[in-house]
Amino acid sequence: MRITKVSGFILISILVISISVTSIYVFYQQRNKDSKEKFFFGVSYGQNTVEDAKTIIDKVKNFTNLFIINSFPITVNNTNPEVLNEICDYAAKSDLYFIVYFFSFYLTVSDWQQEWVDTAKQNWGEKFLGVYLRDEPGGWQMEKPEPTNVTTYGEAAENFIKTISTSDSMEFLNNKSIPVFTSDFVLYYYDYLSGYDTVFAEFGWNNSRIRQVGLCRGASKMLNKNWGAIITWTYMQPPYLGSGSEIYEDMTTAYDAGAKYVVVFDYEKENQKGILTE
């Protein structure tokens, strides 16, 4: 689950157990009525075409309020920003808030990305929530070989924070006060210290949802940040995601724990297609 993160809080219910959508949607409406803080659930898009993005938006726009454009081909490899603009326009006109994934603002095949971010608020106002910058920074740190030139855990932590916080892309976004998002399964506290404003705790595989919530929510509260959950693969082969009832339970677990965002991962690595079905 590198690079692309797709999905949505209610999408699974719509596509897998549609009857659950109504109850979650009503629950969401009541929570928003009782709370001053807005709650976001919806889908994100990890494929390659405007047409497919519009199709997903049309399916879920009446039950969701968030769309994550999480496509490496569209935001990194593409030389034409109009592809991204058309998707953002369609999402905004469908009354969806959106977040856009970028791997870097400097390591790209063209130079439109920086200007795009500069004008995003002007073009879409509050509908543009921010940038999803890279993916699993803590997980990448844990899975790579042991860091060199450090002798203590403290030095390793400082090195991790400095590497991300002083990166050109993070400084670019922080200097412009653009909210920065990512998802991870470890080191949430250090993700926040590195400059991320919101981290999505990953619900997947056989990990403990309660532990993920405790670690991510705890770190966010300590540092006065936001947190959410992203429901990802349970299996490494079809059907990839858990059953409808399992996904629904993950959604309500995150929601009841106070998550501001809940997302569902929808990406089938081998064929680069969505894995959700009607």
Protein backbone atom coordinates (compact mmCIF):
# COMPACT_ATOMS: atom_id res chain seq x y z
CA MET A 1 0.00 0.00 0.00
CA ARG A 2 2.65 2.47 -1.04
CA ILE A 3 1.96 5.62 -3.04
CA THR A 4 -1.74 5.28 -3.68
CA LYS A 5 -4.35 5.41 -0.99
CA VAL A 6 -7.88 5.37 -2.08
CA SER A 7 -11.25 5.01 -0.57
CA GLY A 8 -13.88 6.27 1.76
CA PHE A 9 -15.71 6.02 4.98
CA ILE A 10 -19.08 5.26 3.44
CA LEU A 11 -17.95 3.87 0.10
CA ILE A 12 -17.58 0.33 1.37
CA SER A 13 -21.02 0.46 2.87
CA ILE A 14 -22.41 1.74 -0.42
CA LEU A 15 -20.65 -0.80 -2.54
CA VAL A 16 -20.62 -3.76 -0.20
CA ILE A 17 -23.29 -3.37 2.48
CA SER A 18 -25.44 -0.48 1.30
CA ILE A 19 -27.90 -0.78 4.15
CA SER A 20 -25.21 0.38 6.56
CA VAL A 21 -24.77 3.64 4.71
CA THR A 22 -28.01 5.09 5.93
CA SER A 23 -27.24 4.48 9.59
CA ILE A 24 -23.69 5.84 9.34
CA TYR A 25 -24.84 8.87 7.36
CA VAL A 26 -27.54 9.70 9.90
CA PHE A 27 -25.02 9.16 12.72
CA TYR A 28 -22.57 11.45 10.96
CA GLN A 29 -25.21 14.16 10.50
CA GLN A 30 -26.07 14.01 14.20
CA ARG A 31 -22.41 14.20 15.23
CA ASN A 32 -21.87 17.25 13.02
CA LYS A 33 -25.00 18.82 14.51
CA ASP A 34 -23.77 18.24 18.06
CA SER A 35 -20.14 19.15 17.45
CA LYS A 36 -18.48 22.29 16.15
CA GLU A 37 -15.77 20.24 14.47
CA LYS A 38 -16.49 18.83 11.03
CA PHE A 39 -16.08 15.13 10.37
CA PHE A 40 -14.84 13.91 6.98
CA PHE A 41 -15.54 10.61 5.31
CA GLY A 42 -15.40 9.71 1.65
CA VAL A 43 -13.33 8.13 -1.05
CA SER A 44 -10.03 8.70 -2.68
CA TYR A 45 -8.90 7.90 -6.16
CA GLY A 46 -5.72 6.07 -7.18
CA GLN A 47 -6.27 5.27 -10.83
CA ASN A 48 -5.24 7.19 -13.94
CA THR A 49 -8.16 8.82 -15.74
CA VAL A 50 -10.60 11.67 -15.26
CA GLU A 51 -13.48 9.49 -16.41
CA ASP A 52 -12.90 6.86 -13.72
CA ALA A 53 -12.59 9.56 -11.06
CA LYS A 54 -15.92 11.07 -12.10
CA THR A 55 -17.55 7.65 -12.02
CA ILE A 56 -16.49 7.09 -8.41
CA ILE A 57 -17.55 10.60 -7.42
CA ASP A 58 -20.99 10.08 -8.95
CA LYS A 59 -21.42 6.85 -6.99
CA VAL A 60 -20.64 8.31 -3.60
CA LYS A 61 -21.27 12.06 -3.65
CA ASN A 62 -24.64 11.76 -1.92
CA PHE A 63 -23.17 9.84 1.02
CA THR A 64 -19.67 11.26 1.45
CA ASN A 65 -17.98 14.61 1.83
CA LEU A 66 -14.32 13.78 1.10
CA PHE A 67 -12.42 12.74 -2.03
CA ILE A 68 -8.67 12.00 -1.95
CA ILE A 69 -6.91 12.26 -5.30
CA ASN A 70 -4.11 9.91 -4.53
CA SER A 71 -2.67 9.08 -7.93
CA PHE A 72 1.06 9.06 -8.66
CA PRO A 73 0.48 9.09 -12.45
CA ILE A 74 -1.78 12.15 -12.24
CA THR A 75 0.09 14.30 -9.72
CA VAL A 76 3.72 13.29 -10.27
CA ASN A 77 4.32 11.78 -13.71
CA ASN A 78 1.76 13.88 -15.55
CA THR A 79 2.95 16.97 -17.44
CA ASN A 80 -0.55 18.44 -17.77
CA PRO A 81 -2.13 19.95 -14.64
CA GLU A 82 -5.50 20.18 -16.38
CA VAL A 83 -6.10 16.49 -15.67
CA LEU A 84 -5.90 17.17 -11.93
CA ASN A 85 -7.83 20.42 -12.30
CA GLU A 86 -10.74 18.70 -14.00
CA ILE A 87 -11.02 16.12 -11.22
CA CYS A 88 -10.82 18.81 -8.53
CA ASP A 89 -13.45 20.91 -10.32
CA TYR A 90 -15.78 17.93 -10.54
CA ALA A 91 -15.28 17.02 -6.88
CA ALA A 92 -15.89 20.59 -5.73
CA LYS A 93 -19.02 20.94 -7.90
CA SER A 94 -20.24 17.70 -6.35
CA ASP A 95 -19.88 19.41 -2.94
CA LEU A 96 -16.93 17.25 -1.88
CA TYR A 97 -13.86 18.42 -0.01
CA PHE A 98 -10.64 17.03 -1.42
CA ILE A 99 -7.00 16.26 -0.58
CA VAL A 100 -4.34 15.81 -3.27
CA TYR A 101 -1.37 13.47 -3.11
CA PHE A 102 2.10 14.65 -4.13
CA PHE A 103 5.31 12.70 -3.76
CA SER A 104 7.50 15.78 -4.14
CA PHE A 105 7.41 19.32 -5.45
CA TYR A 106 10.92 19.08 -6.79
CA LEU A 107 11.47 15.51 -8.00
CA THR A 108 8.92 15.70 -10.82
CA VAL A 109 8.90 15.44 -14.60
CA SER A 110 7.56 18.99 -14.90
CA ASP A 111 7.31 22.09 -12.74
CA TRP A 112 3.58 22.82 -12.49
CA GLN A 113 3.07 21.32 -9.03
CA GLN A 114 4.34 24.29 -6.99
CA GLU A 115 2.24 26.79 -8.89
CA TRP A 116 -0.76 24.48 -8.60
CA VAL A 117 -0.54 24.48 -4.79
CA ASP A 118 -0.04 28.25 -4.76
CA THR A 119 -3.37 28.77 -6.51
CA ALA A 120 -5.39 25.85 -5.08
CA LYS A 121 -7.04 27.86 -2.29
CA GLN A 122 -7.84 30.66 -4.71
CA ASN A 123 -9.39 28.21 -7.18
CA TRP A 124 -11.35 25.98 -4.81
CA GLY A 125 -11.48 27.77 -1.47
CA GLU A 126 -12.34 25.64 1.55
CA LYS A 127 -12.96 22.56 -0.62
CA PHE A 128 -9.19 22.12 -0.92
CA LEU A 129 -8.18 20.65 2.44
CA GLY A 130 -4.45 20.20 1.84
CA VAL A 131 -1.71 17.96 0.48
CA TYR A 132 -1.12 14.28 1.16
CA LEU A 133 2.70 14.24 1.11
CA ARG A 134 4.26 10.85 0.44
CA ASP A 135 3.21 7.79 2.37
CA GLU A 136 4.19 5.85 5.52
CA PRO A 137 7.24 7.88 6.54
CA GLY A 138 7.42 6.03 9.86
CA GLY A 139 6.90 2.66 8.22
CA TRP A 140 9.63 3.37 5.71
CA GLN A 141 12.00 4.21 8.58
CA MET A 142 11.17 0.99 10.43
CA GLU A 143 11.51 -1.25 7.39
CA LYS A 144 14.80 0.08 6.05
CA PRO A 145 18.23 -1.00 7.37
CA GLU A 146 19.35 0.45 10.67
CA PRO A 147 20.33 4.14 10.36
CA THR A 148 24.02 4.92 10.11
CA ASN A 149 25.97 7.54 12.03
CA VAL A 150 23.75 7.33 15.10
CA THR A 151 24.55 5.71 18.43
CA THR A 152 21.30 6.13 20.39
CA TYR A 153 17.56 5.93 19.81
CA GLY A 154 17.39 9.66 20.55
CA GLU A 155 19.81 10.43 17.76
CA ALA A 156 17.84 8.20 15.39
CA ALA A 157 14.63 10.06 16.28
CA GLU A 158 16.28 13.45 15.76
CA ASN A 159 17.64 12.30 12.42
CA PHE A 160 14.19 11.09 11.33
CA ILE A 161 12.51 14.36 12.29
CA LYS A 162 15.19 16.52 10.71
CA THR A 163 15.22 14.58 7.44
CA ILE A 164 11.48 15.08 6.89
CA SER A 165 10.96 18.52 8.45
CA THR A 166 13.81 20.10 6.48
CA SER A 167 12.97 18.43 3.19
CA ASP A 168 12.24 20.89 0.40
CA SER A 169 8.66 19.70 -0.04
CA MET A 170 7.74 19.84 3.67
CA GLU A 171 9.28 23.29 4.07
CA PHE A 172 7.49 24.46 0.93
CA LEU A 173 4.10 23.42 2.33
CA ASN A 174 4.72 24.55 5.91
CA ASN A 175 5.94 27.98 4.77
CA LYS A 176 2.68 28.41 2.87
CA SER A 177 0.55 27.09 5.76
CA ILE A 178 -0.83 24.28 3.60
CA PRO A 179 -2.14 21.43 5.80
CA VAL A 180 -0.06 18.26 5.29
CA PHE A 181 -1.50 14.72 5.51
CA THR A 182 -0.06 11.21 5.42
CA SER A 183 -0.89 7.70 6.63
CA ASP A 184 1.25 5.36 8.69
CA PHE A 185 1.27 2.31 10.94
CA VAL A 186 4.10 3.29 13.34
CA LEU A 187 5.91 6.35 14.74
CA TYR A 188 2.88 8.63 14.62
CA TYR A 189 4.33 10.98 17.24
CA TYR A 190 7.45 11.49 15.16
CA ASP A 191 5.41 12.00 12.00
CA TYR A 192 3.69 14.91 13.69
CA LEU A 193 6.98 16.33 14.95
CA SER A 194 8.27 16.16 11.38
CA GLY A 195 5.64 18.59 10.13
CA TYR A 196 2.51 16.56 9.37
CA ASP A 197 -0.75 18.10 10.53
CA THR A 198 -2.88 14.96 10.16
CA VAL A 199 -1.90 11.29 10.18
CA PHE A 200 -4.23 8.47 9.19
CA ALA A 201 -3.69 5.36 11.33
CA GLU A 202 -3.73 2.28 9.11
CA PHE A 203 -6.34 -0.38 9.91
CA GLY A 204 -5.29 -3.52 8.09
CA TRP A 205 -3.65 -6.92 8.12
CA ASN A 206 -4.05 -8.37 11.62
CA ASN A 207 -2.96 -5.29 13.54
CA SER A 208 -4.79 -4.16 16.67
CA ARG A 209 -7.25 -1.39 15.89
CA ILE A 210 -7.31 -0.33 19.53
CA ARG A 211 -3.52 -0.02 19.63
CA GLN A 212 -3.43 1.94 16.36
CA VAL A 213 -6.10 4.29 17.66
CA GLY A 214 -4.35 4.71 21.00
CA LEU A 215 -0.99 5.52 19.47
CA CYS A 216 -2.20 7.84 16.73
CA ARG A 217 -4.88 9.62 18.74
CA GLY A 218 -2.58 9.94 21.73
CA ALA A 219 0.16 11.53 19.65
CA SER A 220 -2.29 13.90 17.99
CA LYS A 221 -3.74 15.03 21.31
CA MET A 222 -0.32 15.60 22.84
CA LEU A 223 0.68 17.83 19.94
CA ASN A 224 -2.72 19.41 19.24
CA LYS A 225 -2.97 17.83 15.78
CA ASN A 226 -5.69 15.99 13.87
CA TRP A 227 -5.93 12.26 13.25
CA GLY A 228 -7.92 9.81 11.18
CA ALA A 229 -8.01 6.18 10.10
CA ILE A 230 -7.50 4.49 6.75
CA ILE A 231 -8.84 0.98 6.26
CA THR A 232 -6.47 -1.00 4.10
CA TRP A 233 -5.73 -4.55 2.97
CA THR A 234 -6.60 -7.49 5.16
CA TYR A 235 -5.24 -9.97 2.60
CA MET A 236 -2.39 -9.85 0.07
CA GLN A 237 -4.59 -11.49 -2.58
CA PRO A 238 -8.23 -11.05 -3.67
CA PRO A 239 -10.52 -9.93 -2.11
CA TYR A 240 -7.79 -7.82 -0.38
CA LEU A 241 -10.23 -5.99 1.89
CA GLY A 242 -12.12 -7.56 4.75
CA SER A 243 -15.82 -8.35 4.61
CA GLY A 244 -18.40 -5.61 4.58
CA SER A 245 -19.23 -6.15 8.24
CA GLU A 246 -15.54 -6.07 9.20
CA ILE A 247 -14.98 -2.83 7.33
CA TYR A 248 -18.09 -1.32 8.83
CA GLU A 249 -16.85 -2.23 12.30
CA ASP A 250 -13.48 -0.59 11.55
CA MET A 251 -15.29 2.56 10.43
CA THR A 252 -17.40 2.82 13.54
CA THR A 253 -14.41 2.01 15.76
CA ALA A 254 -12.50 4.97 14.35
CA TYR A 255 -15.54 7.22 14.38
CA ASP A 256 -16.48 6.41 17.96
CA ALA A 257 -12.88 7.02 19.03
CA GLY A 258 -13.09 10.56 17.70
CA ALA A 259 -11.34 10.33 14.33
CA LYS A 260 -11.78 13.45 12.22
CA TYR A 261 -11.24 11.47 9.01
CA VAL A 262 -12.01 7.91 7.95
CA VAL A 263 -10.84 6.58 4.58
CA VAL A 264 -10.82 3.21 2.81
CA PHE A 265 -7.92 2.00 0.69
CA ASP A 266 -8.98 0.84 -2.78
CA TYR A 267 -6.02 -0.20 -4.89
CA GLU A 268 -5.15 -3.55 -6.44
CA LYS A 269 -1.41 -3.43 -6.96
CA GLU A 270 -0.93 -5.95 -9.75
CA ASN A 271 -3.47 -4.56 -12.19
CA GLN A 272 -3.68 -1.04 -10.77
CA LYS A 273 -7.45 -1.20 -10.50
CA GLY A 274 -9.90 -0.50 -7.75
CA ILE A 275 -10.82 -3.48 -5.60
CA LEU A 276 -14.23 -2.37 -4.41
CA THR A 277 -17.23 -4.03 -6.02
CA GLU A 278 -20.94 -3.29 -6.23
